[in-house]
Each structure stands twice: as structure tokens, then as C-alpha cells.
């Protein structure tokens, strides 16, 4: 029996799995984009330089309801970068 047979089989299996995972990632990205299109808060966050729909959705998922903030300054304090080690914050 060819010693490389199993290596080839494993490689083909891994490549097939990667194709399935790529398709699933594309499916989820399309669903997230569809959600983002209809959300005015996502559009507002995307007006900031460097934020795409995925980052905007991530921020909204992390903060929960924006109604818990008294105003834009309180919200921006939470979303501003914090420099330092995580244990120092």
C-alpha cells in the first residue's frame, strides 16, 4: 500500500471541510449584512472612520441598549480606546 495514501485522503478531507466552512462563513456574513442594512445605529456607527458593518454590530452587541446612556458623550466614553494593560483598567 502506498504510504502517501492516507496523507492524500486526509488532505482531501481537510480541503472539503474548509470549503464547507467557507460556505458557512459566507452565509453568516450575508445574514449579518442584511441585519446591518436595516439598523440606523449601525449606519451611525459606520460613519466613524474605520468601522464596517461587522464592527458596528459587534459594538452594539457588546453595549446592549443605547438607551442606557444619558447622551452621546457618555456613550463615547465607553467606546473610546483605553490604553494600558487589561488588569490596569
N, C-alpha and C. Protein backbone atom coordinates (compact mmCIF):
# COMPACT_ATOMS: atom_id res chain seq x y z
N UNK A 1 0.85 -1.18 0.00
CA UNK A 1 0.00 0.00 0.00
C UNK A 1 0.89 1.25 0.00
N UNK A 2 0.47 2.24 -0.73
CA UNK A 2 1.21 3.50 -0.83
C UNK A 2 1.14 4.24 0.50
N UNK A 3 2.31 4.62 1.03
CA UNK A 3 2.35 5.29 2.33
C UNK A 3 1.73 6.69 2.27
N UNK A 4 1.72 7.30 1.11
CA UNK A 4 1.14 8.64 0.97
C UNK A 4 -0.37 8.63 0.81
N UNK A 5 -0.95 7.43 0.71
CA UNK A 5 -2.40 7.32 0.51
C UNK A 5 -3.18 8.02 1.61
N UNK A 6 -2.82 7.75 2.85
CA UNK A 6 -3.55 8.35 3.97
C UNK A 6 -3.33 9.86 4.02
N UNK A 7 -2.11 10.30 3.71
CA UNK A 7 -1.85 11.73 3.68
C UNK A 7 -2.73 12.42 2.65
N UNK A 8 -2.86 11.82 1.48
CA UNK A 8 -3.72 12.38 0.43
C UNK A 8 -5.18 12.39 0.86
N UNK A 9 -5.62 11.32 1.51
CA UNK A 9 -7.01 11.23 1.96
C UNK A 9 -7.30 12.29 3.02
N UNK A 10 -6.37 12.46 3.94
CA UNK A 10 -6.54 13.48 4.99
C UNK A 10 -6.55 14.87 4.37
N UNK A 11 -5.67 15.11 3.42
CA UNK A 11 -5.61 16.41 2.76
C UNK A 11 -6.92 16.70 2.03
N UNK A 12 -7.43 15.73 1.28
CA UNK A 12 -8.70 15.91 0.57
C UNK A 12 -9.84 16.16 1.55
N UNK A 13 -9.85 15.44 2.65
CA UNK A 13 -10.87 15.63 3.67
C UNK A 13 -10.80 17.03 4.28
N UNK A 14 -9.60 17.46 4.59
CA UNK A 14 -9.42 18.80 5.17
C UNK A 14 -9.84 19.89 4.19
N UNK A 15 -9.50 19.72 2.92
CA UNK A 15 -9.89 20.71 1.92
C UNK A 15 -11.41 20.77 1.75
N UNK A 16 -12.06 19.61 1.78
CA UNK A 16 -13.52 19.58 1.70
C UNK A 16 -14.14 20.28 2.90
N UNK A 17 -13.59 20.04 4.07
CA UNK A 17 -14.08 20.70 5.28
C UNK A 17 -13.91 22.21 5.20
N UNK A 18 -12.78 22.66 4.68
CA UNK A 18 -12.54 24.10 4.53
C UNK A 18 -13.55 24.72 3.57
N UNK A 19 -13.90 24.02 2.52
CA UNK A 19 -14.90 24.53 1.58
C UNK A 19 -16.26 24.68 2.26
N UNK A 20 -16.64 23.71 3.08
CA UNK A 20 -17.90 23.79 3.81
C UNK A 20 -17.88 24.96 4.79
N UNK A 21 -16.78 25.10 5.51
CA UNK A 21 -16.66 26.19 6.48
C UNK A 21 -16.68 27.55 5.78
N UNK A 22 -16.02 27.67 4.64
CA UNK A 22 -16.06 28.91 3.87
C UNK A 22 -17.49 29.26 3.47
N UNK A 23 -18.25 28.27 3.05
CA UNK A 23 -19.64 28.50 2.67
C UNK A 23 -20.47 28.93 3.87
N UNK A 24 -20.24 28.34 5.02
CA UNK A 24 -20.98 28.72 6.22
C UNK A 24 -20.62 30.14 6.65
N UNK A 25 -19.35 30.49 6.56
CA UNK A 25 -18.93 31.85 6.91
C UNK A 25 -19.59 32.86 5.99
N UNK A 26 -19.61 32.58 4.70
CA UNK A 26 -20.26 33.46 3.74
C UNK A 26 -21.74 33.61 4.06
N UNK A 27 -22.41 32.53 4.41
CA UNK A 27 -23.83 32.56 4.76
C UNK A 27 -24.06 33.47 5.97
N UNK A 28 -23.27 33.32 7.01
CA UNK A 28 -23.42 34.13 8.22
C UNK A 28 -23.11 35.60 7.92
N UNK A 29 -22.07 35.86 7.13
CA UNK A 29 -21.74 37.24 6.77
C UNK A 29 -22.88 37.90 6.01
N UNK A 30 -23.53 37.16 5.12
CA UNK A 30 -24.67 37.70 4.38
C UNK A 30 -25.83 38.01 5.31
N UNK A 31 -26.08 37.14 6.28
CA UNK A 31 -27.15 37.38 7.25
C UNK A 31 -26.85 38.62 8.10
N UNK A 32 -25.60 38.74 8.55
CA UNK A 32 -25.22 39.91 9.35
C UNK A 32 -25.34 41.19 8.54
N UNK A 33 -24.93 41.15 7.28
CA UNK A 33 -25.05 42.33 6.42
C UNK A 33 -26.51 42.72 6.24
N UNK A 34 -27.39 41.73 6.10
CA UNK A 34 -28.82 42.01 5.95
C UNK A 34 -29.39 42.67 7.21
N UNK A 35 -28.92 42.24 8.37
CA UNK A 35 -29.36 42.86 9.63
C UNK A 35 -28.84 44.29 9.70
N UNK A 36 -27.59 44.48 9.33
CA UNK A 36 -26.94 45.79 9.44
C UNK A 36 -27.59 46.83 8.53
N UNK A 37 -28.04 46.41 7.36
CA UNK A 37 -28.62 47.34 6.39
C UNK A 37 -29.82 48.07 6.97
N UNK A 38 -30.61 47.40 7.78
CA UNK A 38 -31.85 47.97 8.30
C UNK A 38 -31.69 48.66 9.65
N UNK A 39 -30.50 48.71 10.19
CA UNK A 39 -30.31 49.26 11.53
C UNK A 39 -29.70 50.66 11.46
N UNK A 40 -30.45 51.70 11.87
CA UNK A 40 -29.92 53.06 11.80
C UNK A 40 -28.71 53.27 12.72
N UNK A 41 -28.64 52.54 13.83
CA UNK A 41 -27.49 52.68 14.72
C UNK A 41 -26.22 52.14 14.07
N UNK A 42 -26.37 51.08 13.29
CA UNK A 42 -25.23 50.54 12.56
C UNK A 42 -24.72 51.58 11.56
N UNK A 43 -25.65 52.22 10.86
CA UNK A 43 -25.25 53.25 9.90
C UNK A 43 -24.56 54.42 10.60
N UNK A 44 -25.05 54.79 11.76
CA UNK A 44 -24.43 55.87 12.52
C UNK A 44 -23.01 55.50 12.93
N UNK A 45 -22.84 54.29 13.45
CA UNK A 45 -21.50 53.85 13.85
C UNK A 45 -20.57 53.73 12.65
N UNK A 46 -21.11 53.31 11.52
CA UNK A 46 -20.29 53.17 10.32
C UNK A 46 -19.83 54.52 9.77
N UNK A 47 -20.43 55.60 10.23
CA UNK A 47 -19.98 56.92 9.80
C UNK A 47 -18.63 57.27 10.42
N UNK A 48 -18.23 56.50 11.44
CA UNK A 48 -16.91 56.69 12.04
C UNK A 48 -15.87 56.01 11.15
N UNK A 49 -14.76 56.67 10.96
CA UNK A 49 -13.69 56.14 10.12
C UNK A 49 -13.21 54.78 10.64
N UNK A 50 -13.15 53.83 9.74
CA UNK A 50 -12.59 52.53 10.07
C UNK A 50 -13.58 51.49 10.56
N UNK A 51 -14.84 51.86 10.74
CA UNK A 51 -15.83 50.89 11.22
C UNK A 51 -16.66 50.38 10.05
N UNK A 52 -16.70 49.06 9.89
CA UNK A 52 -17.58 48.45 8.91
C UNK A 52 -18.81 47.92 9.63
N UNK A 53 -19.69 47.27 8.88
CA UNK A 53 -20.93 46.79 9.49
C UNK A 53 -20.67 45.75 10.57
N UNK A 54 -19.64 44.94 10.38
CA UNK A 54 -19.35 43.90 11.37
C UNK A 54 -18.90 44.52 12.69
N UNK A 55 -18.00 45.50 12.63
CA UNK A 55 -17.54 46.18 13.84
C UNK A 55 -18.69 46.92 14.52
N UNK A 56 -19.54 47.55 13.72
CA UNK A 56 -20.69 48.26 14.29
C UNK A 56 -21.63 47.29 15.01
N UNK A 57 -21.91 46.16 14.39
CA UNK A 57 -22.77 45.16 15.04
C UNK A 57 -22.12 44.62 16.31
N UNK A 58 -20.83 44.44 16.28
CA UNK A 58 -20.11 43.95 17.46
C UNK A 58 -20.21 44.95 18.61
N UNK A 59 -20.03 46.22 18.32
CA UNK A 59 -20.15 47.26 19.35
C UNK A 59 -21.55 47.25 19.94
N UNK A 60 -22.56 47.21 19.08
CA UNK A 60 -23.94 47.20 19.57
C UNK A 60 -24.25 45.96 20.40
N UNK A 61 -23.69 44.83 20.01
CA UNK A 61 -23.91 43.61 20.78
C UNK A 61 -23.24 43.70 22.15
N UNK A 62 -22.10 44.36 22.22
CA UNK A 62 -21.37 44.49 23.48
C UNK A 62 -22.04 45.46 24.44
N UNK A 63 -22.58 46.56 23.92
CA UNK A 63 -23.12 47.59 24.82
C UNK A 63 -24.57 47.34 25.20
N UNK A 64 -25.27 46.53 24.44
CA UNK A 64 -26.69 46.33 24.73
C UNK A 64 -27.48 47.52 24.21
N UNK A 65 -28.43 47.97 24.98
CA UNK A 65 -29.29 49.07 24.57
C UNK A 65 -28.57 50.41 24.72
N UNK A 66 -28.65 51.24 23.68
CA UNK A 66 -28.04 52.57 23.76
C UNK A 66 -28.86 53.49 24.66
N UNK A 67 -30.07 53.07 24.98
CA UNK A 67 -30.93 53.89 25.85
C UNK A 67 -30.38 54.00 27.26
N UNK A 68 -29.46 53.16 27.63
CA UNK A 68 -28.91 53.22 28.98
C UNK A 68 -27.91 54.36 29.15
N UNK A 69 -27.57 55.04 28.07
CA UNK A 69 -26.64 56.17 28.13
C UNK A 69 -27.43 57.47 28.14
N UNK A 70 -26.99 58.41 28.97
CA UNK A 70 -27.68 59.69 29.07
C UNK A 70 -27.52 60.52 27.80
N UNK A 71 -26.42 60.34 27.12
CA UNK A 71 -26.18 61.12 25.90
C UNK A 71 -25.01 60.58 25.13
N UNK A 72 -24.67 61.31 24.07
CA UNK A 72 -23.59 60.84 23.19
C UNK A 72 -22.23 60.86 23.87
N UNK A 73 -22.01 61.79 24.80
CA UNK A 73 -20.72 61.84 25.48
C UNK A 73 -20.52 60.62 26.38
N UNK A 74 -21.57 60.20 27.06
CA UNK A 74 -21.47 59.02 27.91
C UNK A 74 -21.22 57.77 27.06
N UNK A 75 -21.88 57.71 25.93
CA UNK A 75 -21.67 56.58 25.03
C UNK A 75 -20.25 56.57 24.49
N UNK A 76 -19.76 57.74 24.08
CA UNK A 76 -18.42 57.79 23.50
C UNK A 76 -17.34 57.47 24.52
N UNK A 77 -17.60 57.74 25.80
CA UNK A 77 -16.62 57.37 26.83
C UNK A 77 -16.45 55.85 26.88
N UNK A 78 -17.52 55.13 26.68
CA UNK A 78 -17.45 53.67 26.72
C UNK A 78 -16.76 53.11 25.48
N UNK A 79 -16.95 53.77 24.36
CA UNK A 79 -16.43 53.22 23.10
C UNK A 79 -15.04 53.72 22.75
N UNK A 80 -14.51 54.66 23.51
CA UNK A 80 -13.17 55.18 23.22
C UNK A 80 -12.11 54.15 23.58
N UNK A 81 -10.99 54.17 22.87
CA UNK A 81 -9.92 53.22 23.21
C UNK A 81 -9.37 53.50 24.60
N UNK A 82 -9.06 52.46 25.29
CA UNK A 82 -8.44 52.58 26.62
C UNK A 82 -7.05 51.97 26.53
N UNK A 83 -6.04 52.75 26.80
CA UNK A 83 -4.66 52.29 26.68
C UNK A 83 -4.19 51.73 28.00
N UNK A 84 -3.45 50.67 27.95
CA UNK A 84 -2.90 50.06 29.15
C UNK A 84 -3.20 48.58 29.18
N UNK A 85 -2.67 47.93 30.16
CA UNK A 85 -2.92 46.51 30.33
C UNK A 85 -4.32 46.31 30.85
N UNK A 86 -4.93 45.22 30.48
CA UNK A 86 -6.31 44.96 30.89
C UNK A 86 -6.44 44.97 32.41
N UNK A 87 -5.48 44.48 33.12
CA UNK A 87 -5.54 44.48 34.58
C UNK A 87 -5.42 45.86 35.19
N UNK A 88 -4.94 46.84 34.40
CA UNK A 88 -4.77 48.20 34.89
C UNK A 88 -6.03 49.03 34.75
N UNK A 89 -7.00 48.56 33.99
CA UNK A 89 -8.20 49.36 33.73
C UNK A 89 -9.16 49.32 34.88
